[in-house]
Amino acid sequence: LLSAAELRRHRGAPGEPGLYLALLGRVFDVQRGRRHYGPGGAYSALAGRDATRAFATGDFTPAGLVDDVSALSPQELLSIQRWLSFYGDNYEPVGKLVGRFYDANGAPTQALREAEAAMEEALKLQADSEQSKQQFPPCNSEWSSAKGTRFWCSKQSGGVSRDWAGVPRKLYRPGSQGSGCVCVRSTGPPWGHPPSSQHGDRGDLDNPHLQEYEGCQPLAEQCVL
């Protein structure tokens, strides 16, 4: 267990006992990365402290070099988790920092439990988003002053490789404003259902969050607006 004052003594300067940094209260020996974290290194501001917020935001000002992770977005929380994995894989963990995330006995605090729960929720949102992208890959699109906007689907559109092209539709996601163009499978059973006469053969065309583009043929693979 280290106090904040003890951690500050591990910034890699001459006469100091080592080179440490903390992330979410976990302390790592980063001597191996001295050229990055030691005095004069690009990330020397991270040494000798817990600057978890900066790992997510990239804010290396005094206001950003703090351990407060409240109000971070799901993507920023996922960034912190990726950094935790990176340090766990590449540097030696040497202890815990007494403060926001661990108490004087080394037990997790409520702040740590809340942060970990938020990261779990962020992971779930990421998994849901990836599944949604597989179900509804984004359309290709282009705009010209002469022809307007063209949306079209292919077996690679949206960066999702698949064995079907699909047809363009507006997708309205719950909780978000506006819509985006996605490619929708128009044959076979709905997403997640086995082939069955009970579920029909219209793919995901009947999904309630989808809407056709006005003026476009319902089963056309491209649409010009």
C-alpha atoms as a PDB file:
ATOM      1  CA  LEU A   1       0.000   0.000   0.000  1.00  0.00           C
ATOM      2  CA  LEU A   2       1.337   3.411  -0.972  1.00  0.00           C
ATOM      3  CA  SER A   3       0.182   6.868   0.014  1.00  0.00           C
ATOM      4  CA  ALA A   4       0.011   9.673  -2.545  1.00  0.00           C
ATOM      5  CA  ALA A   5       3.170  11.179  -1.002  1.00  0.00           C
ATOM      6  CA  GLU A   6       5.045   7.883  -1.321  1.00  0.00           C
ATOM      7  CA  LEU A   7       3.943   7.485  -4.925  1.00  0.00           C
ATOM      8  CA  ARG A   8       5.203  11.003  -5.753  1.00  0.00           C
ATOM      9  CA  ARG A   9       8.697   9.846  -4.752  1.00  0.00           C
ATOM     10  CA  HIS A  10       8.676   7.374  -7.644  1.00  0.00           C
ATOM     11  CA  ARG A  11       9.014   9.662 -10.648  1.00  0.00           C
ATOM     12  CA  GLY A  12      12.373   8.347 -11.813  1.00  0.00           C
ATOM     13  CA  ALA A  13      14.439  11.383 -10.870  1.00  0.00           C
ATOM     14  CA  PRO A  14      18.015  10.918  -9.577  1.00  0.00           C
ATOM     15  CA  GLY A  15      17.947   9.748  -5.978  1.00  0.00           C
ATOM     16  CA  GLU A  16      14.340   8.569  -6.128  1.00  0.00           C
ATOM     17  CA  PRO A  17      13.615   4.887  -5.380  1.00  0.00           C
ATOM     18  CA  GLY A  18      11.882   4.003  -8.638  1.00  0.00           C
ATOM     19  CA  LEU A  19       9.472   4.865 -11.432  1.00  0.00           C
ATOM     20  CA  TYR A  20       5.821   4.101 -10.747  1.00  0.00           C
ATOM     21  CA  LEU A  21       2.433   5.200 -11.973  1.00  0.00           C
ATOM     22  CA  ALA A  22      -1.076   4.343 -10.825  1.00  0.00           C
ATOM     23  CA  LEU A  23      -4.151   3.590 -12.871  1.00  0.00           C
ATOM     24  CA  LEU A  24      -7.505   3.234 -11.137  1.00  0.00           C
ATOM     25  CA  GLY A  25      -5.569   2.906  -7.879  1.00  0.00           C
ATOM     26  CA  ARG A  26      -3.351   0.054  -9.095  1.00  0.00           C
ATOM     27  CA  VAL A  27       0.358   0.857  -9.000  1.00  0.00           C
ATOM     28  CA  PHE A  28       2.739  -0.387 -11.707  1.00  0.00           C
ATOM     29  CA  ASP A  29       6.516  -0.292 -11.951  1.00  0.00           C
ATOM     30  CA  VAL A  30       7.157   1.311 -15.348  1.00  0.00           C
ATOM     31  CA  GLN A  31      10.956   1.384 -15.172  1.00  0.00           C
ATOM     32  CA  ARG A  32      11.051  -0.715 -18.370  1.00  0.00           C
ATOM     33  CA  GLY A  33       9.423   2.218 -20.152  1.00  0.00           C
ATOM     34  CA  ARG A  34      11.712   4.835 -18.668  1.00  0.00           C
ATOM     35  CA  ARG A  35      12.199   6.641 -21.964  1.00  0.00           C
ATOM     36  CA  HIS A  36       8.439   7.246 -22.037  1.00  0.00           C
ATOM     37  CA  TYR A  37       7.686   7.819 -18.354  1.00  0.00           C
ATOM     38  CA  GLY A  38      10.965   9.058 -16.911  1.00  0.00           C
ATOM     39  CA  PRO A  39      12.020  12.715 -16.644  1.00  0.00           C
ATOM     40  CA  GLY A  40      11.818  14.311 -20.075  1.00  0.00           C
ATOM     41  CA  GLY A  41       9.718  11.487 -21.494  1.00  0.00           C
ATOM     42  CA  ALA A  42       6.526  12.135 -23.438  1.00  0.00           C
ATOM     43  CA  TYR A  43       4.432  10.642 -20.624  1.00  0.00           C
ATOM     44  CA  SER A  44       6.481  11.768 -17.647  1.00  0.00           C
ATOM     45  CA  ALA A  45       3.451  13.680 -16.343  1.00  0.00           C
ATOM     46  CA  LEU A  46       1.804  10.312 -15.576  1.00  0.00           C
ATOM     47  CA  ALA A  47       4.610   9.150 -13.295  1.00  0.00           C
ATOM     48  CA  GLY A  48       4.325   9.316  -9.529  1.00  0.00           C
ATOM     49  CA  ARG A  49       0.573   9.809  -9.503  1.00  0.00           C
ATOM     50  CA  ASP A  50      -2.814   8.356 -10.393  1.00  0.00           C
ATOM     51  CA  ALA A  51      -3.883  10.255 -13.502  1.00  0.00           C
ATOM     52  CA  THR A  52      -6.529   7.783 -14.642  1.00  0.00           C
ATOM     53  CA  ARG A  53      -8.690  10.474 -16.215  1.00  0.00           C
ATOM     54  CA  ALA A  54      -5.883  11.564 -18.547  1.00  0.00           C
ATOM     55  CA  PHE A  55      -5.607   8.026 -19.953  1.00  0.00           C
ATOM     56  CA  ALA A  56      -9.177   8.416 -21.207  1.00  0.00           C
ATOM     57  CA  THR A  57      -9.244  12.076 -22.223  1.00  0.00           C
ATOM     58  CA  GLY A  58      -5.672  12.830 -23.265  1.00  0.00           C
ATOM     59  CA  ASP A  59      -5.837  15.977 -21.129  1.00  0.00           C
ATOM     60  CA  PHE A  60      -2.355  16.415 -19.629  1.00  0.00           C
ATOM     61  CA  THR A  61      -3.104  19.723 -17.951  1.00  0.00           C
ATOM     62  CA  PRO A  62      -3.171  19.830 -14.128  1.00  0.00           C
ATOM     63  CA  ALA A  63      -6.977  19.653 -14.298  1.00  0.00           C
ATOM     64  CA  GLY A  64      -6.792  16.485 -16.392  1.00  0.00           C
ATOM     65  CA  LEU A  65      -4.051  14.646 -14.497  1.00  0.00           C
ATOM     66  CA  VAL A  66      -6.418  13.404 -11.807  1.00  0.00           C
ATOM     67  CA  ASP A  67      -8.032  10.140 -10.750  1.00  0.00           C
ATOM     68  CA  ASP A  68     -11.652  11.322 -10.983  1.00  0.00           C
ATOM     69  CA  VAL A  69     -13.413   9.176 -13.592  1.00  0.00           C
ATOM     70  CA  SER A  70     -16.931  10.388 -12.920  1.00  0.00           C
ATOM     71  CA  ALA A  71     -18.903  11.606 -15.944  1.00  0.00           C
ATOM     72  CA  LEU A  72     -16.641   9.841 -18.439  1.00  0.00           C
ATOM     73  CA  SER A  73     -18.357   8.438 -21.523  1.00  0.00           C
ATOM     74  CA  PRO A  74     -18.643   4.695 -22.157  1.00  0.00           C
ATOM     75  CA  GLN A  75     -15.933   4.943 -24.834  1.00  0.00           C
ATOM     76  CA  GLU A  76     -13.611   6.727 -22.416  1.00  0.00           C
ATOM     77  CA  LEU A  77     -14.220   4.067 -19.775  1.00  0.00           C
ATOM     78  CA  LEU A  78     -13.390   1.372 -22.316  1.00  0.00           C
ATOM     79  CA  SER A  79     -10.148   3.221 -23.020  1.00  0.00           C
ATOM     80  CA  ILE A  80      -9.246   2.999 -19.335  1.00  0.00           C
ATOM     81  CA  GLN A  81      -9.949  -0.719 -19.339  1.00  0.00           C
ATOM     82  CA  ARG A  82      -7.722  -1.206 -22.374  1.00  0.00           C
ATOM     83  CA  TRP A  83      -4.916   0.665 -20.616  1.00  0.00           C
ATOM     84  CA  LEU A  84      -5.365  -1.492 -17.527  1.00  0.00           C
ATOM     85  CA  SER A  85      -4.950  -4.585 -19.676  1.00  0.00           C
ATOM     86  CA  PHE A  86      -1.887  -3.056 -21.339  1.00  0.00           C
ATOM     87  CA  TYR A  87      -0.135  -2.320 -18.053  1.00  0.00           C
ATOM     88  CA  GLY A  88      -1.140  -5.673 -16.600  1.00  0.00           C
ATOM     89  CA  ASP A  89       0.416  -7.414 -19.616  1.00  0.00           C
ATOM     90  CA  ASN A  90       3.576  -5.302 -19.877  1.00  0.00           C
ATOM     91  CA  TYR A  91       4.517  -3.989 -16.447  1.00  0.00           C
ATOM     92  CA  GLU A  92       4.834  -5.384 -12.958  1.00  0.00           C
ATOM     93  CA  PRO A  93       2.040  -4.494 -10.499  1.00  0.00           C
ATOM     94  CA  VAL A  94       3.620  -3.416  -7.221  1.00  0.00           C
ATOM     95  CA  GLY A  95       0.731  -2.362  -5.015  1.00  0.00           C
ATOM     96  CA  LYS A  96      -2.288  -0.175  -4.465  1.00  0.00           C
ATOM     97  CA  LEU A  97      -2.657   3.535  -3.905  1.00  0.00           C
ATOM     98  CA  VAL A  98      -4.537   4.512  -0.777  1.00  0.00           C
ATOM     99  CA  GLY A  99      -7.086   7.144  -1.702  1.00  0.00           C
ATOM    100  CA  ARG A 100     -10.026   7.307  -4.064  1.00  0.00           C
ATOM    101  CA  PHE A 101     -10.065   3.638  -5.083  1.00  0.00           C
ATOM    102  CA  TYR A 102      -8.552   1.751  -2.128  1.00  0.00           C
ATOM    103  CA  ASP A 103      -8.886   2.420   1.589  1.00  0.00           C
ATOM    104  CA  ALA A 104      -6.161   2.277   4.218  1.00  0.00           C
ATOM    105  CA  ASN A 105      -6.541  -1.508   4.422  1.00  0.00           C
ATOM    106  CA  GLY A 106      -6.280  -2.000   0.651  1.00  0.00           C
ATOM    107  CA  ALA A 107      -9.974  -2.777   0.283  1.00  0.00           C
ATOM    108  CA  PRO A 108     -11.871  -1.465  -2.761  1.00  0.00           C
ATOM    109  CA  THR A 109     -13.870   1.701  -2.144  1.00  0.00           C
ATOM    110  CA  GLN A 110     -17.335   2.554  -3.346  1.00  0.00           C
ATOM    111  CA  ALA A 111     -15.738   4.759  -6.012  1.00  0.00           C
ATOM    112  CA  LEU A 112     -13.846   1.760  -7.422  1.00  0.00           C
ATOM    113  CA  ARG A 113     -16.933  -0.428  -7.391  1.00  0.00           C
ATOM    114  CA  GLU A 114     -18.881   2.250  -9.244  1.00  0.00           C
ATOM    115  CA  ALA A 115     -16.099   2.684 -11.805  1.00  0.00           C
ATOM    116  CA  GLU A 116     -15.864  -1.060 -12.419  1.00  0.00           C
ATOM    117  CA  ALA A 117     -19.642  -1.337 -12.765  1.00  0.00           C
ATOM    118  CA  ALA A 118     -19.614   1.525 -15.287  1.00  0.00           C
ATOM    119  CA  MET A 119     -16.883  -0.213 -17.299  1.00  0.00           C
ATOM    120  CA  GLU A 120     -18.884  -3.441 -17.309  1.00  0.00           C
ATOM    121  CA  GLU A 121     -21.874  -1.523 -18.632  1.00  0.00           C
ATOM    122  CA  ALA A 122     -19.643   0.088 -21.276  1.00  0.00           C
ATOM    123  CA  LEU A 123     -18.464  -3.366 -22.354  1.00  0.00           C
ATOM    124  CA  LYS A 124     -22.067  -4.503 -22.658  1.00  0.00           C
ATOM    125  CA  LEU A 125     -22.927  -1.459 -24.772  1.00  0.00           C
ATOM    126  CA  GLN A 126     -19.937  -2.183 -26.999  1.00  0.00           C
ATOM    127  CA  ALA A 127     -21.031  -5.800 -27.464  1.00  0.00           C
ATOM    128  CA  ASP A 128     -24.583  -4.682 -28.250  1.00  0.00           C
ATOM    129  CA  SER A 129     -23.255  -2.129 -30.730  1.00  0.00           C
ATOM    130  CA  GLU A 130     -21.104  -4.733 -32.478  1.00  0.00           C
ATOM    131  CA  GLN A 131     -24.034  -7.126 -32.707  1.00  0.00           C
ATOM    132  CA  SER A 132     -26.221  -4.354 -34.095  1.00  0.00           C
ATOM    133  CA  LYS A 133     -23.567  -3.568 -36.721  1.00  0.00           C
ATOM    134  CA  GLN A 134     -23.527  -7.205 -37.794  1.00  0.00           C
ATOM    135  CA  GLN A 135     -27.324  -7.222 -38.046  1.00  0.00           C
ATOM    136  CA  PHE A 136     -27.611  -3.787 -39.657  1.00  0.00           C
ATOM    137  CA  PRO A 137     -24.324  -2.870 -41.409  1.00  0.00           C
ATOM    138  CA  PRO A 138     -24.049   0.808 -42.398  1.00  0.00           C
ATOM    139  CA  CYS A 139     -24.806   1.706 -46.022  1.00  0.00           C
ATOM    140  CA  ASN A 140     -22.312   3.062 -48.505  1.00  0.00           C
ATOM    141  CA  SER A 141     -23.114   6.679 -49.314  1.00  0.00           C
ATOM    142  CA  GLU A 142     -21.980   9.502 -51.580  1.00  0.00           C
ATOM    143  CA  TRP A 143     -23.183  12.993 -52.390  1.00  0.00           C
ATOM    144  CA  SER A 144     -22.921  15.134 -55.487  1.00  0.00           C
ATOM    145  CA  SER A 145     -24.489  18.483 -56.340  1.00  0.00           C
ATOM    146  CA  ALA A 146     -25.821  17.011 -59.564  1.00  0.00           C
ATOM    147  CA  LYS A 147     -27.395  13.807 -58.231  1.00  0.00           C
ATOM    148  CA  GLY A 148     -27.890  14.416 -54.520  1.00  0.00           C
ATOM    149  CA  THR A 149     -27.269  11.639 -52.005  1.00  0.00           C
ATOM    150  CA  ARG A 150     -26.950   8.022 -53.020  1.00  0.00           C
ATOM    151  CA  PHE A 151     -27.176   5.169 -50.536  1.00  0.00           C
ATOM    152  CA  TRP A 152     -26.367   1.624 -51.580  1.00  0.00           C
ATOM    153  CA  CYS A 153     -25.631  -1.772 -50.116  1.00  0.00           C
ATOM    154  CA  SER A 154     -22.995  -4.354 -50.974  1.00  0.00           C
ATOM    155  CA  LYS A 155     -21.579  -7.468 -49.356  1.00  0.00           C
ATOM    156  CA  GLN A 156     -18.795  -5.327 -47.830  1.00  0.00           C
ATOM    157  CA  SER A 157     -20.651  -2.112 -46.928  1.00  0.00           C
ATOM    158  CA  GLY A 158     -20.045  -0.704 -43.488  1.00  0.00           C
ATOM    159  CA  GLY A 159     -16.872  -2.758 -43.243  1.00  0.00           C
ATOM    160  CA  VAL A 160     -18.949  -5.867 -42.491  1.00  0.00           C
ATOM    161  CA  SER A 161     -18.145  -8.834 -44.739  1.00  0.00           C
ATOM    162  CA  ARG A 162     -21.194 -11.056 -45.293  1.00  0.00           C
ATOM    163  CA  ASP A 163     -22.909 -13.257 -47.874  1.00  0.00           C
ATOM    164  CA  TRP A 164     -25.814 -10.863 -48.473  1.00  0.00           C
ATOM    165  CA  ALA A 165     -26.008  -7.252 -49.673  1.00  0.00           C
ATOM    166  CA  GLY A 166     -29.291  -6.060 -48.217  1.00  0.00           C
ATOM    167  CA  VAL A 167     -31.455  -3.057 -48.990  1.00  0.00           C
ATOM    168  CA  PRO A 168     -31.181   0.497 -47.602  1.00  0.00           C
ATOM    169  CA  ARG A 169     -33.416   1.504 -44.717  1.00  0.00           C
ATOM    170  CA  LYS A 170     -33.488   4.236 -42.075  1.00  0.00           C
ATOM    171  CA  LEU A 171     -32.687   2.823 -38.631  1.00  0.00           C
ATOM    172  CA  TYR A 172     -33.995   4.633 -35.553  1.00  0.00           C
ATOM    173  CA  ARG A 173     -32.137   3.495 -32.440  1.00  0.00           C
ATOM    174  CA  PRO A 174     -33.978   3.706 -29.108  1.00  0.00           C
ATOM    175  CA  GLY A 175     -32.784   6.644 -27.044  1.00  0.00           C
ATOM    176  CA  SER A 176     -31.075   8.460 -29.906  1.00  0.00           C
ATOM    177  CA  GLN A 177     -32.249  11.264 -32.138  1.00  0.00           C
ATOM    178  CA  GLY A 178     -32.318  10.997 -35.907  1.00  0.00           C
ATOM    179  CA  SER A 179     -31.678   7.967 -38.061  1.00  0.00           C
ATOM    180  CA  GLY A 180     -28.892   6.348 -40.016  1.00  0.00           C
ATOM    181  CA  CYS A 181     -28.822   4.367 -43.240  1.00  0.00           C
ATOM    182  CA  VAL A 182     -28.281   0.644 -42.758  1.00  0.00           C
ATOM    183  CA  CYS A 183     -28.394  -2.401 -44.992  1.00  0.00           C
ATOM    184  CA  VAL A 184     -31.175  -4.824 -44.126  1.00  0.00           C
ATOM    185  CA  ARG A 185     -31.338  -8.495 -45.026  1.00  0.00           C
ATOM    186  CA  SER A 186     -34.500  -9.056 -47.057  1.00  0.00           C
ATOM    187  CA  THR A 187     -34.693 -12.858 -47.148  1.00  0.00           C
ATOM    188  CA  GLY A 188     -34.600 -15.674 -44.628  1.00  0.00           C
ATOM    189  CA  PRO A 189     -35.728 -15.566 -40.985  1.00  0.00           C
ATOM    190  CA  PRO A 190     -35.296 -12.481 -38.761  1.00  0.00           C
ATOM    191  CA  TRP A 191     -31.940 -12.012 -36.999  1.00  0.00           C
ATOM    192  CA  GLY A 192     -31.403 -14.580 -34.260  1.00  0.00           C
ATOM    193  CA  HIS A 193     -34.205 -16.921 -35.377  1.00  0.00           C
ATOM    194  CA  PRO A 194     -33.735 -20.331 -37.010  1.00  0.00           C
ATOM    195  CA  PRO A 195     -35.318 -21.014 -40.405  1.00  0.00           C
ATOM    196  CA  SER A 196     -39.009 -21.585 -39.823  1.00  0.00           C
ATOM    197  CA  SER A 197     -42.262 -20.940 -41.601  1.00  0.00           C
ATOM    198  CA  GLN A 198     -43.427 -19.322 -38.368  1.00  0.00           C
ATOM    199  CA  HIS A 199     -40.978 -16.428 -38.838  1.00  0.00           C
ATOM    200  CA  GLY A 200     -41.463 -15.923 -42.564  1.00  0.00           C
ATOM    201  CA  ASP A 201     -38.878 -15.186 -45.232  1.00  0.00           C
ATOM    202  CA  ARG A 202     -38.456 -11.381 -45.096  1.00  0.00           C
ATOM    203  CA  GLY A 203     -35.221 -11.170 -43.161  1.00  0.00           C
ATOM    204  CA  ASP A 204     -35.312  -8.096 -40.894  1.00  0.00           C
ATOM    205  CA  LEU A 205     -37.561  -5.955 -43.099  1.00  0.00           C
ATOM    206  CA  ASP A 206     -40.326  -5.995 -40.474  1.00  0.00           C
ATOM    207  CA  ASN A 207     -38.137  -4.717 -37.652  1.00  0.00           C
ATOM    208  CA  PRO A 208     -40.121  -1.897 -35.970  1.00  0.00           C
ATOM    209  CA  HIS A 209     -37.081   0.421 -35.817  1.00  0.00           C
ATOM    210  CA  LEU A 210     -36.743   0.533 -39.597  1.00  0.00           C
ATOM    211  CA  GLN A 211     -38.354   2.857 -42.122  1.00  0.00           C
ATOM    212  CA  GLU A 212     -38.270   2.859 -45.908  1.00  0.00           C
ATOM    213  CA  TYR A 213     -36.841   5.813 -47.844  1.00  0.00           C
ATOM    214  CA  GLU A 214     -39.567   7.688 -49.657  1.00  0.00           C
ATOM    215  CA  GLY A 215     -39.316   7.452 -53.417  1.00  0.00           C
ATOM    216  CA  CYS A 216     -37.161   4.327 -53.361  1.00  0.00           C
ATOM    217  CA  GLN A 217     -38.173   0.872 -54.477  1.00  0.00           C
ATOM    218  CA  PRO A 218     -38.647  -1.282 -51.330  1.00  0.00           C
ATOM    219  CA  LEU A 219     -36.218  -3.999 -52.464  1.00  0.00           C
ATOM    220  CA  ALA A 220     -33.741  -1.875 -54.436  1.00  0.00           C
ATOM    221  CA  GLU A 221     -30.105  -2.195 -53.346  1.00  0.00           C
ATOM    222  CA  GLN A 222     -29.532   1.524 -53.906  1.00  0.00           C
ATOM    223  CA  CYS A 223     -31.510   4.691 -53.291  1.00  0.00           C
ATOM    224  CA  VAL A 224     -30.952   8.214 -54.638  1.00  0.00           C
ATOM    225  CA  LEU A 225     -32.488  11.122 -52.725  1.00  0.00           C
END
